[in-house]
C-alpha cells in the first residue's frame, strides 16, 4: 500500500511538471500573438495556474490519505529543479549568441 508521504510526493511532482508544461505551452502561444495580447495572456494564465495549484493543495490539506508537507516539499523541489534547468538552457543559448569575435577580425 502507498503511504501518505509517497502519495503526497507523487502529487507534488506531478503538479510541478503539469505547471511547467502548461507554462511552456502557454508562453509559446503568447509569443505568437501580438504584444498587448501576450502580456494579458501570460498574466491571466499565470494567475489561473496559481489558482489551480492553490485549489489542489487545499484539497490535499483536507484529505486524510495524503500528507500535505510531503506534497509541498516535492512541489517546491521539483519546481526549483525545473526552473534552474530552464535558466541554464537560456543561459547557454545567450552565451552562444554573445561569443566575442576572434582577435584580428573586426565587425564592420
PDB file of N, CA and C in Angstrom:
ATOM      1  N   UNK A   1       0.840  -1.187   0.000  1.00  0.00           N
ATOM      2  CA  UNK A   1       0.000   0.000   0.000  1.00  0.00           C
ATOM      3  C   UNK A   1       0.884   1.250   0.000  1.00  0.00           C
ATOM      4  N   UNK A   2       0.425   2.266  -0.673  1.00  0.00           N
ATOM      5  CA  UNK A   2       1.189   3.519  -0.768  1.00  0.00           C
ATOM      6  C   UNK A   2       0.974   4.333   0.504  1.00  0.00           C
ATOM      7  N   UNK A   3       2.071   4.791   1.074  1.00  0.00           N
ATOM      8  CA  UNK A   3       1.977   5.596   2.292  1.00  0.00           C
ATOM      9  C   UNK A   3       1.544   7.020   1.941  1.00  0.00           C
ATOM     10  N   UNK A   4       0.987   7.747   2.908  1.00  0.00           N
ATOM     11  CA  UNK A   4       0.580   9.136   2.644  1.00  0.00           C
ATOM     12  C   UNK A   4       1.742  10.031   2.212  1.00  0.00           C
ATOM     13  N   UNK A   5       2.953   9.752   2.694  1.00  0.00           N
ATOM     14  CA  UNK A   5       4.116  10.559   2.323  1.00  0.00           C
ATOM     15  C   UNK A   5       4.457  10.375   0.852  1.00  0.00           C
ATOM     16  N   UNK A   6       4.451   9.129   0.385  1.00  0.00           N
ATOM     17  CA  UNK A   6       4.767   8.865  -1.019  1.00  0.00           C
ATOM     18  C   UNK A   6       3.685   9.421  -1.925  1.00  0.00           C
ATOM     19  N   UNK A   7       2.425   9.244  -1.539  1.00  0.00           N
ATOM     20  CA  UNK A   7       1.325   9.777  -2.337  1.00  0.00           C
ATOM     21  C   UNK A   7       1.408  11.300  -2.430  1.00  0.00           C
ATOM     22  N   UNK A   8       1.745  11.959  -1.332  1.00  0.00           N
ATOM     23  CA  UNK A   8       1.908  13.411  -1.351  1.00  0.00           C
ATOM     24  C   UNK A   8       3.053  13.838  -2.242  1.00  0.00           C
ATOM     25  N   UNK A   9       4.163  13.094  -2.195  1.00  0.00           N
ATOM     26  CA  UNK A   9       5.316  13.423  -3.034  1.00  0.00           C
ATOM     27  C   UNK A   9       4.981  13.241  -4.516  1.00  0.00           C
ATOM     28  N   UNK A  10       4.269  12.195  -4.843  1.00  0.00           N
ATOM     29  CA  UNK A  10       3.877  11.970  -6.235  1.00  0.00           C
ATOM     30  C   UNK A  10       2.958  13.095  -6.723  1.00  0.00           C
ATOM     31  N   UNK A  11       2.023  13.485  -5.901  1.00  0.00           N
ATOM     32  CA  UNK A  11       1.121  14.584  -6.286  1.00  0.00           C
ATOM     33  C   UNK A  11       1.903  15.877  -6.462  1.00  0.00           C
ATOM     34  N   UNK A  12       2.847  16.152  -5.590  1.00  0.00           N
ATOM     35  CA  UNK A  12       3.656  17.369  -5.709  1.00  0.00           C
ATOM     36  C   UNK A  12       4.476  17.393  -6.984  1.00  0.00           C
ATOM     37  N   UNK A  13       5.106  16.267  -7.334  1.00  0.00           N
ATOM     38  CA  UNK A  13       5.926  16.205  -8.549  1.00  0.00           C
ATOM     39  C   UNK A  13       5.047  16.327  -9.792  1.00  0.00           C
ATOM     40  N   UNK A  14       3.918  15.619  -9.813  1.00  0.00           N
ATOM     41  CA  UNK A  14       3.009  15.693 -10.971  1.00  0.00           C
ATOM     42  C   UNK A  14       2.474  17.110 -11.141  1.00  0.00           C
ATOM     43  N   UNK A  15       2.144  17.759 -10.049  1.00  0.00           N
ATOM     44  CA  UNK A  15       1.634  19.131 -10.128  1.00  0.00           C
ATOM     45  C   UNK A  15       2.703  20.096 -10.635  1.00  0.00           C
ATOM     46  N   UNK A  16       3.945  19.926 -10.192  1.00  0.00           N
ATOM     47  CA  UNK A  16       5.030  20.786 -10.670  1.00  0.00           C
ATOM     48  C   UNK A  16       5.301  20.557 -12.155  1.00  0.00           C
ATOM     49  N   UNK A  17       5.305  19.304 -12.589  1.00  0.00           N
ATOM     50  CA  UNK A  17       5.505  19.007 -14.013  1.00  0.00           C
ATOM     51  C   UNK A  17       4.372  19.554 -14.865  1.00  0.00           C
ATOM     52  N   UNK A  18       3.135  19.398 -14.397  1.00  0.00           N
ATOM     53  CA  UNK A  18       1.988  19.920 -15.149  1.00  0.00           C
ATOM     54  C   UNK A  18       2.046  21.445 -15.237  1.00  0.00           C
ATOM     55  N   UNK A  19       2.433  22.098 -14.162  1.00  0.00           N
ATOM     56  CA  UNK A  19       2.557  23.548 -14.165  1.00  0.00           C
ATOM     57  C   UNK A  19       3.642  23.994 -15.136  1.00  0.00           C
ATOM     58  N   UNK A  20       4.765  23.296 -15.153  1.00  0.00           N
ATOM     59  CA  UNK A  20       5.866  23.639 -16.044  1.00  0.00           C
ATOM     60  C   UNK A  20       5.470  23.457 -17.510  1.00  0.00           C
ATOM     61  N   UNK A  21       4.838  22.342 -17.826  1.00  0.00           N
ATOM     62  CA  UNK A  21       4.415  22.086 -19.209  1.00  0.00           C
ATOM     63  C   UNK A  21       3.369  23.105 -19.645  1.00  0.00           C
ATOM     64  N   UNK A  22       2.418  23.407 -18.773  1.00  0.00           N
ATOM     65  CA  UNK A  22       1.403  24.410 -19.108  1.00  0.00           C
ATOM     66  C   UNK A  22       2.047  25.774 -19.328  1.00  0.00           C
ATOM     67  N   UNK A  23       3.031  26.114 -18.527  1.00  0.00           N
ATOM     68  CA  UNK A  23       3.731  27.384 -18.684  1.00  0.00           C
ATOM     69  C   UNK A  23       4.434  27.474 -20.030  1.00  0.00           C
ATOM     70  N   UNK A  24       5.108  26.397 -20.423  1.00  0.00           N
ATOM     71  CA  UNK A  24       5.825  26.389 -21.701  1.00  0.00           C
ATOM     72  C   UNK A  24       4.856  26.499 -22.867  1.00  0.00           C
ATOM     73  N   UNK A  25       3.787  25.730 -22.834  1.00  0.00           N
ATOM     74  CA  UNK A  25       2.806  25.744 -23.930  1.00  0.00           C
ATOM     75  C   UNK A  25       2.139  27.105 -24.031  1.00  0.00           C
ATOM     76  N   UNK A  26       1.719  27.662 -22.910  1.00  0.00           N
ATOM     77  CA  UNK A  26       1.037  28.953 -22.939  1.00  0.00           C
ATOM     78  C   UNK A  26       1.985  30.087 -23.308  1.00  0.00           C
ATOM     79  N   UNK A  27       3.251  29.983 -22.942  1.00  0.00           N
ATOM     80  CA  UNK A  27       4.224  31.000 -23.342  1.00  0.00           C
ATOM     81  C   UNK A  27       4.446  30.974 -24.849  1.00  0.00           C
ATOM     82  N   UNK A  28       4.489  29.779 -25.428  1.00  0.00           N
ATOM     83  CA  UNK A  28       4.646  29.672 -26.882  1.00  0.00           C
ATOM     84  C   UNK A  28       3.455  30.273 -27.609  1.00  0.00           C
ATOM     85  N   UNK A  29       2.264  30.059 -27.089  1.00  0.00           N
ATOM     86  CA  UNK A  29       1.065  30.646 -27.696  1.00  0.00           C
ATOM     87  C   UNK A  29       1.106  32.163 -27.560  1.00  0.00           C
ATOM     88  N   UNK A  30       1.528  32.652 -26.409  1.00  0.00           N
ATOM     89  CA  UNK A  30       1.567  34.099 -26.175  1.00  0.00           C
ATOM     90  C   UNK A  30       2.608  34.782 -27.042  1.00  0.00           C
ATOM     91  N   UNK A  31       3.723  34.117 -27.299  1.00  0.00           N
ATOM     92  CA  UNK A  31       4.774  34.715 -28.121  1.00  0.00           C
ATOM     93  C   UNK A  31       4.288  34.918 -29.555  1.00  0.00           C
ATOM     94  N   UNK A  32       3.460  34.002 -30.022  1.00  0.00           N
ATOM     95  CA  UNK A  32       2.965  34.099 -31.396  1.00  0.00           C
ATOM     96  C   UNK A  32       1.894  35.170 -31.571  1.00  0.00           C
ATOM     97  N   UNK A  33       1.281  35.624 -30.476  1.00  0.00           N
ATOM     98  CA  UNK A  33       0.246  36.646 -30.578  1.00  0.00           C
ATOM     99  C   UNK A  33       0.873  38.033 -30.495  1.00  0.00           C
ATOM    100  N   UNK A  34       0.028  39.058 -30.553  1.00  0.00           N
ATOM    101  CA  UNK A  34       0.549  40.427 -30.501  1.00  0.00           C
ATOM    102  C   UNK A  34       1.075  40.746 -29.106  1.00  0.00           C
ATOM    103  N   UNK A  35       1.821  41.857 -28.983  1.00  0.00           N
ATOM    104  CA  UNK A  35       2.486  42.194 -27.719  1.00  0.00           C
ATOM    105  C   UNK A  35       1.488  42.445 -26.591  1.00  0.00           C
ATOM    106  N   UNK A  36       0.430  43.207 -26.864  1.00  0.00           N
ATOM    107  CA  UNK A  36      -0.536  43.528 -25.815  1.00  0.00           C
ATOM    108  C   UNK A  36      -1.285  42.277 -25.379  1.00  0.00           C
ATOM    109  N   UNK A  37      -1.682  41.474 -26.350  1.00  0.00           N
ATOM    110  CA  UNK A  37      -2.412  40.253 -26.027  1.00  0.00           C
ATOM    111  C   UNK A  37      -1.510  39.275 -25.276  1.00  0.00           C
ATOM    112  N   UNK A  38      -0.233  39.210 -25.641  1.00  0.00           N
ATOM    113  CA  UNK A  38       0.662  38.259 -24.992  1.00  0.00           C
ATOM    114  C   UNK A  38       0.868  38.599 -23.520  1.00  0.00           C
ATOM    115  N   UNK A  39       0.972  39.865 -23.189  1.00  0.00           N
ATOM    116  CA  UNK A  39       1.151  40.253 -21.787  1.00  0.00           C
ATOM    117  C   UNK A  39      -0.088  39.895 -20.976  1.00  0.00           C
ATOM    118  N   UNK A  40      -1.262  40.201 -21.511  1.00  0.00           N
ATOM    119  CA  UNK A  40      -2.511  39.880 -20.820  1.00  0.00           C
ATOM    120  C   UNK A  40      -2.676  38.365 -20.707  1.00  0.00           C
ATOM    121  N   UNK A  41      -2.356  37.657 -21.782  1.00  0.00           N
ATOM    122  CA  UNK A  41      -2.486  36.201 -21.777  1.00  0.00           C
ATOM    123  C   UNK A  41      -1.543  35.557 -20.769  1.00  0.00           C
ATOM    124  N   UNK A  42      -0.301  36.011 -20.722  1.00  0.00           N
ATOM    125  CA  UNK A  42       0.658  35.440 -19.767  1.00  0.00           C
ATOM    126  C   UNK A  42       0.251  35.720 -18.321  1.00  0.00           C
ATOM    127  N   UNK A  43      -0.189  36.936 -18.051  1.00  0.00           N
ATOM    128  CA  UNK A  43      -0.610  37.271 -16.691  1.00  0.00           C
ATOM    129  C   UNK A  43      -1.857  36.489 -16.296  1.00  0.00           C
ATOM    130  N   UNK A  44      -2.816  36.406 -17.215  1.00  0.00           N
ATOM    131  CA  UNK A  44      -4.045  35.671 -16.914  1.00  0.00           C
ATOM    132  C   UNK A  44      -3.803  34.199 -16.685  1.00  0.00           C
ATOM    133  N   UNK A  45      -2.976  33.593 -17.527  1.00  0.00           N
ATOM    134  CA  UNK A  45      -2.716  32.168 -17.352  1.00  0.00           C
ATOM    135  C   UNK A  45      -1.869  31.902 -16.108  1.00  0.00           C
ATOM    136  N   UNK A  46      -0.975  32.826 -15.773  1.00  0.00           N
ATOM    137  CA  UNK A  46      -0.193  32.672 -14.546  1.00  0.00           C
ATOM    138  C   UNK A  46      -1.108  32.686 -13.326  1.00  0.00           C
ATOM    139  N   UNK A  47      -2.026  33.643 -13.291  1.00  0.00           N
ATOM    140  CA  UNK A  47      -2.953  33.721 -12.166  1.00  0.00           C
ATOM    141  C   UNK A  47      -3.881  32.514 -12.133  1.00  0.00           C
ATOM    142  N   UNK A  48      -4.290  32.037 -13.304  1.00  0.00           N
ATOM    143  CA  UNK A  48      -5.132  30.849 -13.363  1.00  0.00           C
ATOM    144  C   UNK A  48      -4.411  29.607 -12.869  1.00  0.00           C
ATOM    145  N   UNK A  49      -3.150  29.425 -13.298  1.00  0.00           N
ATOM    146  CA  UNK A  49      -2.374  28.277 -12.829  1.00  0.00           C
ATOM    147  C   UNK A  49      -2.113  28.370 -11.334  1.00  0.00           C
ATOM    148  N   UNK A  50      -1.857  29.580 -10.836  1.00  0.00           N
ATOM    149  CA  UNK A  50      -1.644  29.766  -9.406  1.00  0.00           C
ATOM    150  C   UNK A  50      -2.904  29.409  -8.623  1.00  0.00           C
ATOM    151  N   UNK A  51      -4.054  29.803  -9.148  1.00  0.00           N
ATOM    152  CA  UNK A  51      -5.327  29.458  -8.503  1.00  0.00           C
ATOM    153  C   UNK A  51      -5.578  27.960  -8.495  1.00  0.00           C
ATOM    154  N   UNK A  52      -5.265  27.285  -9.612  1.00  0.00           N
ATOM    155  CA  UNK A  52      -5.450  25.833  -9.666  1.00  0.00           C
ATOM    156  C   UNK A  52      -4.517  25.108  -8.698  1.00  0.00           C
ATOM    157  N   UNK A  53      -3.287  25.586  -8.596  1.00  0.00           N
ATOM    158  CA  UNK A  53      -2.351  24.983  -7.643  1.00  0.00           C
ATOM    159  C   UNK A  53      -2.866  25.155  -6.217  1.00  0.00           C
ATOM    160  N   UNK A  54      -3.402  26.328  -5.921  1.00  0.00           N
ATOM    161  CA  UNK A  54      -3.968  26.582  -4.598  1.00  0.00           C
ATOM    162  C   UNK A  54      -5.126  25.635  -4.307  1.00  0.00           C
ATOM    163  N   UNK A  55      -6.010  25.452  -5.280  1.00  0.00           N
ATOM    164  CA  UNK A  55      -7.162  24.568  -5.092  1.00  0.00           C
ATOM    165  C   UNK A  55      -6.714  23.123  -4.881  1.00  0.00           C
ATOM    166  N   UNK A  56      -5.730  22.677  -5.642  1.00  0.00           N
ATOM    167  CA  UNK A  56      -5.230  21.304  -5.477  1.00  0.00           C
ATOM    168  C   UNK A  56      -4.615  21.120  -4.099  1.00  0.00           C
ATOM    169  N   UNK A  57      -3.801  22.064  -3.657  1.00  0.00           N
ATOM    170  CA  UNK A  57      -3.190  21.927  -2.331  1.00  0.00           C
ATOM    171  C   UNK A  57      -4.225  22.081  -1.216  1.00  0.00           C
ATOM    172  N   UNK A  58      -5.270  22.839  -1.455  1.00  0.00           N
ATOM    173  CA  UNK A  58      -6.353  22.927  -0.477  1.00  0.00           C
ATOM    174  C   UNK A  58      -7.060  21.583  -0.358  1.00  0.00           C
ATOM    175  N   UNK A  59      -7.276  20.924  -1.492  1.00  0.00           N
ATOM    176  CA  UNK A  59      -7.857  19.583  -1.458  1.00  0.00           C
ATOM    177  C   UNK A  59      -6.950  18.581  -0.777  1.00  0.00           C
ATOM    178  N   UNK A  60      -5.642  18.698  -1.018  1.00  0.00           N
ATOM    179  CA  UNK A  60      -4.685  17.811  -0.351  1.00  0.00           C
ATOM    180  C   UNK A  60      -4.706  18.042   1.155  1.00  0.00           C
ATOM    181  N   UNK A  61      -4.848  19.295   1.571  1.00  0.00           N
ATOM    182  CA  UNK A  61      -4.874  19.608   3.000  1.00  0.00           C
ATOM    183  C   UNK A  61      -6.109  19.012   3.670  1.00  0.00           C
ATOM    184  N   UNK A  62      -7.213  18.951   2.969  1.00  0.00           N
ATOM    185  CA  UNK A  62      -8.436  18.383   3.537  1.00  0.00           C
ATOM    186  C   UNK A  62      -8.424  16.861   3.536  1.00  0.00           C
ATOM    187  N   UNK A  63      -7.603  16.275   2.701  1.00  0.00           N
ATOM    188  CA  UNK A  63      -7.550  14.822   2.603  1.00  0.00           C
ATOM    189  C   UNK A  63      -6.742  14.243   3.760  1.00  0.00           C
ATOM    190  N   UNK A  64      -7.219  13.142   4.297  1.00  0.00           N
ATOM    191  CA  UNK A  64      -6.503  12.474   5.377  1.00  0.00           C
ATOM    192  C   UNK A  64      -5.542  11.417   4.844  1.00  0.00           C
ATOM    193  N   UNK A  65      -5.688  11.040   3.572  1.00  0.00           N
ATOM    194  CA  UNK A  65      -4.849   9.988   2.995  1.00  0.00           C
ATOM    195  C   UNK A  65      -3.571  10.524   2.363  1.00  0.00           C
ATOM    196  N   UNK A  66      -3.460  11.842   2.256  1.00  0.00           N
ATOM    197  CA  UNK A  66      -2.302  12.447   1.601  1.00  0.00           C
ATOM    198  C   UNK A  66      -1.625  13.394   2.587  1.00  0.00           C
ATOM    199  N   UNK A  67      -0.312  13.299   2.678  1.00  0.00           N
ATOM    200  CA  UNK A  67       0.463  14.169   3.563  1.00  0.00           C
ATOM    201  C   UNK A  67       0.771  15.488   2.851  1.00  0.00           C
ATOM    202  N   UNK A  68       0.273  16.581   3.396  1.00  0.00           N
ATOM    203  CA  UNK A  68       0.432  17.895   2.769  1.00  0.00           C
ATOM    204  C   UNK A  68       1.893  18.330   2.734  1.00  0.00           C
ATOM    205  N   UNK A  69       2.631  18.090   3.799  1.00  0.00           N
ATOM    206  CA  UNK A  69       4.020  18.574   3.847  1.00  0.00           C
ATOM    207  C   UNK A  69       4.885  17.893   2.788  1.00  0.00           C
ATOM    208  N   UNK A  70       4.669  16.608   2.538  1.00  0.00           N
ATOM    209  CA  UNK A  70       5.467  15.944   1.502  1.00  0.00           C
ATOM    210  C   UNK A  70       5.067  16.435   0.109  1.00  0.00           C
ATOM    211  N   UNK A  71       3.789  16.733  -0.093  1.00  0.00           N
ATOM    212  CA  UNK A  71       3.354  17.266  -1.385  1.00  0.00           C
ATOM    213  C   UNK A  71       3.964  18.642  -1.633  1.00  0.00           C
ATOM    214  N   UNK A  72       3.961  19.486  -0.624  1.00  0.00           N
ATOM    215  CA  UNK A  72       4.546  20.821  -0.776  1.00  0.00           C
ATOM    216  C   UNK A  72       6.053  20.756  -0.986  1.00  0.00           C
ATOM    217  N   UNK A  73       6.727  19.909  -0.237  1.00  0.00           N
ATOM    218  CA  UNK A  73       8.176  19.773  -0.376  1.00  0.00           C
ATOM    219  C   UNK A  73       8.548  19.237  -1.760  1.00  0.00           C
ATOM    220  N   UNK A  74       7.813  18.243  -2.235  1.00  0.00           N
ATOM    221  CA  UNK A  74       8.085  17.688  -3.565  1.00  0.00           C
ATOM    222  C   UNK A  74       7.786  18.714  -4.653  1.00  0.00           C
ATOM    223  N   UNK A  75       6.716  19.482  -4.489  1.00  0.00           N
ATOM    224  CA  UNK A  75       6.376  20.508  -5.476  1.00  0.00           C
ATOM    225  C   UNK A  75       7.459  21.570  -5.556  1.00  0.00           C
ATOM    226  N   UNK A  76       7.870  22.088  -4.422  1.00  0.00           N
ATOM    227  CA  UNK A  76       8.876  23.146  -4.397  1.00  0.00           C
ATOM    228  C   UNK A  76      10.211  22.638  -4.939  1.00  0.00           C
ATOM    229  N   UNK A  77      10.598  21.440  -4.561  1.00  0.00           N
ATOM    230  CA  UNK A  77      11.868  20.871  -5.028  1.00  0.00           C
ATOM    231  C   UNK A  77      11.848  20.656  -6.539  1.00  0.00           C
ATOM    232  N   UNK A  78      10.804  20.019  -7.036  1.00  0.00           N
ATOM    233  CA  UNK A  78      10.706  19.742  -8.473  1.00  0.00           C
ATOM    234  C   UNK A  78      10.588  21.045  -9.267  1.00  0.00           C
ATOM    235  N   UNK A  79       9.811  21.997  -8.771  1.00  0.00           N
ATOM    236  CA  UNK A  79       9.648  23.276  -9.452  1.00  0.00           C
ATOM    237  C   UNK A  79      10.979  24.017  -9.525  1.00  0.00           C
ATOM    238  N   UNK A  80      11.754  23.991  -8.446  1.00  0.00           N
ATOM    239  CA  UNK A  80      13.057  24.659  -8.434  1.00  0.00           C
ATOM    240  C   UNK A  80      14.028  23.994  -9.398  1.00  0.00           C
ATOM    241  N   UNK A  81      14.047  22.670  -9.430  1.00  0.00           N
ATOM    242  CA  UNK A  81      14.927  21.963 -10.361  1.00  0.00           C
ATOM    243  C   UNK A  81      14.564  22.288 -11.802  1.00  0.00           C
ATOM    244  N   UNK A  82      13.280  22.291 -12.120  1.00  0.00           N
ATOM    245  CA  UNK A  82      12.853  22.618 -13.481  1.00  0.00           C
ATOM    246  C   UNK A  82      13.184  24.062 -13.842  1.00  0.00           C
ATOM    247  N   UNK A  83      13.046  24.961 -12.894  1.00  0.00           N
ATOM    248  CA  UNK A  83      13.355  26.366 -13.147  1.00  0.00           C
ATOM    249  C   UNK A  83      14.843  26.572 -13.393  1.00  0.00           C
ATOM    250  N   UNK A  84      15.686  25.929 -12.603  1.00  0.00           N
ATOM    251  CA  UNK A  84      17.136  26.031 -12.802  1.00  0.00           C
ATOM    252  C   UNK A  84      17.523  25.439 -14.151  1.00  0.00           C
ATOM    253  N   UNK A  85      16.928  24.316 -14.512  1.00  0.00           N
ATOM    254  CA  UNK A  85      17.183  23.679 -15.805  1.00  0.00           C
ATOM    255  C   UNK A  85      16.809  24.618 -16.957  1.00  0.00           C
ATOM    256  N   UNK A  86      15.663  25.272 -16.852  1.00  0.00           N
ATOM    257  CA  UNK A  86      15.231  26.206 -17.892  1.00  0.00           C
ATOM    258  C   UNK A  86      16.172  27.402 -17.984  1.00  0.00           C
ATOM    259  N   UNK A  87      16.595  27.933 -16.862  1.00  0.00           N
ATOM    260  CA  UNK A  87      17.512  29.075 -16.862  1.00  0.00           C
ATOM    261  C   UNK A  87      18.854  28.684 -17.471  1.00  0.00           C
ATOM    262  N   UNK A  88      19.337  27.479 -17.174  1.00  0.00           N
ATOM    263  CA  UNK A  88      20.598  27.027 -17.763  1.00  0.00           C
ATOM    264  C   UNK A  88      20.496  26.892 -19.279  1.00  0.00           C
ATOM    265  N   UNK A  89      19.363  26.440 -19.773  1.00  0.00           N
ATOM    266  CA  UNK A  89      19.161  26.345 -21.221  1.00  0.00           C
ATOM    267  C   UNK A  89      19.211  27.727 -21.851  1.00  0.00           C
ATOM    268  N   UNK A  90      18.506  28.700 -21.268  1.00  0.00           N
ATOM    269  CA  UNK A  90      18.518  30.054 -21.811  1.00  0.00           C
ATOM    270  C   UNK A  90      19.900  30.692 -21.686  1.00  0.00           C
ATOM    271  N   UNK A  91      20.614  30.412 -20.597  1.00  0.00           N
ATOM    272  CA  UNK A  91      21.945  30.964 -20.418  1.00  0.00           C
ATOM    273  C   UNK A  91      22.898  30.439 -21.492  1.00  0.00           C
ATOM    274  N   UNK A  92      22.815  29.150 -21.782  1.00  0.00           N
ATOM    275  CA  UNK A  92      23.683  28.580 -22.816  1.00  0.00           C
ATOM    276  C   UNK A  92      23.380  29.177 -24.179  1.00  0.00           C
ATOM    277  N   UNK A  93      22.108  29.383 -24.482  1.00  0.00           N
ATOM    278  CA  UNK A  93      21.752  29.995 -25.763  1.00  0.00           C
ATOM    279  C   UNK A  93      22.251  31.431 -25.822  1.00  0.00           C
ATOM    280  N   UNK A  94      22.089  32.172 -24.745  1.00  0.00           N
ATOM    281  CA  UNK A  94      22.513  33.570 -24.718  1.00  0.00           C
ATOM    282  C   UNK A  94      24.030  33.672 -24.801  1.00  0.00           C
ATOM    283  N   UNK A  95      24.733  32.804 -24.096  1.00  0.00           N
ATOM    284  CA  UNK A  95      26.195  32.821 -24.114  1.00  0.00           C
ATOM    285  C   UNK A  95      26.721  32.477 -25.505  1.00  0.00           C
ATOM    286  N   UNK A  96      26.079  31.545 -26.185  1.00  0.00           N
ATOM    287  CA  UNK A  96      26.486  31.169 -27.537  1.00  0.00           C
ATOM    288  C   UNK A  96      26.300  32.336 -28.501  1.00  0.00           C
ATOM    289  N   UNK A  97      25.234  33.117 -28.313  1.00  0.00           N
ATOM    290  CA  UNK A  97      24.980  34.248 -29.202  1.00  0.00           C
ATOM    291  C   UNK A  97      25.933  35.411 -28.952  1.00  0.00           C
ATOM    292  N   UNK A  98      26.490  35.508 -27.765  1.00  0.00           N
ATOM    293  CA  UNK A  98      27.341  36.649 -27.423  1.00  0.00           C
ATOM    294  C   UNK A  98      28.817  36.290 -27.381  1.00  0.00           C
ATOM    295  N   UNK A  99      29.240  35.321 -28.137  1.00  0.00           N
ATOM    296  CA  UNK A  99      30.661  34.963 -28.156  1.00  0.00           C
ATOM    297  C   UNK A  99      31.450  36.113 -28.787  1.00  0.00           C
ATOM    298  N   UNK A 100      32.595  36.446 -28.194  1.00  0.00           N
ATOM    299  CA  UNK A 100      33.402  37.538 -28.755  1.00  0.00           C
ATOM    300  C   UNK A 100      34.034  37.124 -30.078  1.00  0.00           C
ATOM    301  N   UNK A 101      34.298  38.119 -30.885  1.00  0.00           N
ATOM    302  CA  UNK A 101      34.958  37.849 -32.154  1.00  0.00           C
ATOM    303  C   UNK A 101      36.430  37.518 -31.919  1.00  0.00           C
ATOM    304  N   UNK A 102      37.001  36.643 -32.718  1.00  0.00           N
ATOM    305  CA  UNK A 102      38.433  36.301 -32.558  1.00  0.00           C
ATOM    306  C   UNK A 102      39.310  37.528 -32.764  1.00  0.00           C
ATOM    307  N   UNK A 103      40.521  37.536 -32.187  1.00  0.00           N
ATOM    308  CA  UNK A 103      41.424  38.679 -32.369  1.00  0.00           C
ATOM    309  C   UNK A 103      41.792  38.847 -33.845  1.00  0.00           C
ATOM    310  N   UNK A 104      41.843  40.072 -34.260  1.00  0.00           N
ATOM    311  CA  UNK A 104      42.220  40.381 -35.627  1.00  0.00           C
ATOM    312  C   UNK A 104      41.039  40.459 -36.586  1.00  0.00           C
ATOM    313  N   UNK A 105      39.864  40.007 -36.158  1.00  0.00           N
ATOM    314  CA  UNK A 105      38.678  40.089 -37.017  1.00  0.00           C
ATOM    315  C   UNK A 105      37.756  41.127 -36.382  1.00  0.00           C
ATOM    316  N   UNK A 106      37.427  42.140 -37.141  1.00  0.00           N
ATOM    317  CA  UNK A 106      36.590  43.213 -36.621  1.00  0.00           C
ATOM    318  C   UNK A 106      35.297  43.260 -37.418  1.00  0.00           C
ATOM    319  N   UNK A 107      34.208  43.425 -36.704  1.00  0.00           N
ATOM    320  CA  UNK A 107      32.916  43.546 -37.381  1.00  0.00           C
ATOM    321  C   UNK A 107      32.816  44.910 -38.023  1.00  0.00           C
ATOM    322  N   UNK A 108      32.214  44.966 -39.178  1.00  0.00           N
ATOM    323  CA  UNK A 108      32.101  46.256 -39.865  1.00  0.00           C
ATOM    324  C   UNK A 108      30.719  46.776 -39.886  1.00  0.00           C
TER     325      UNK A 108
END
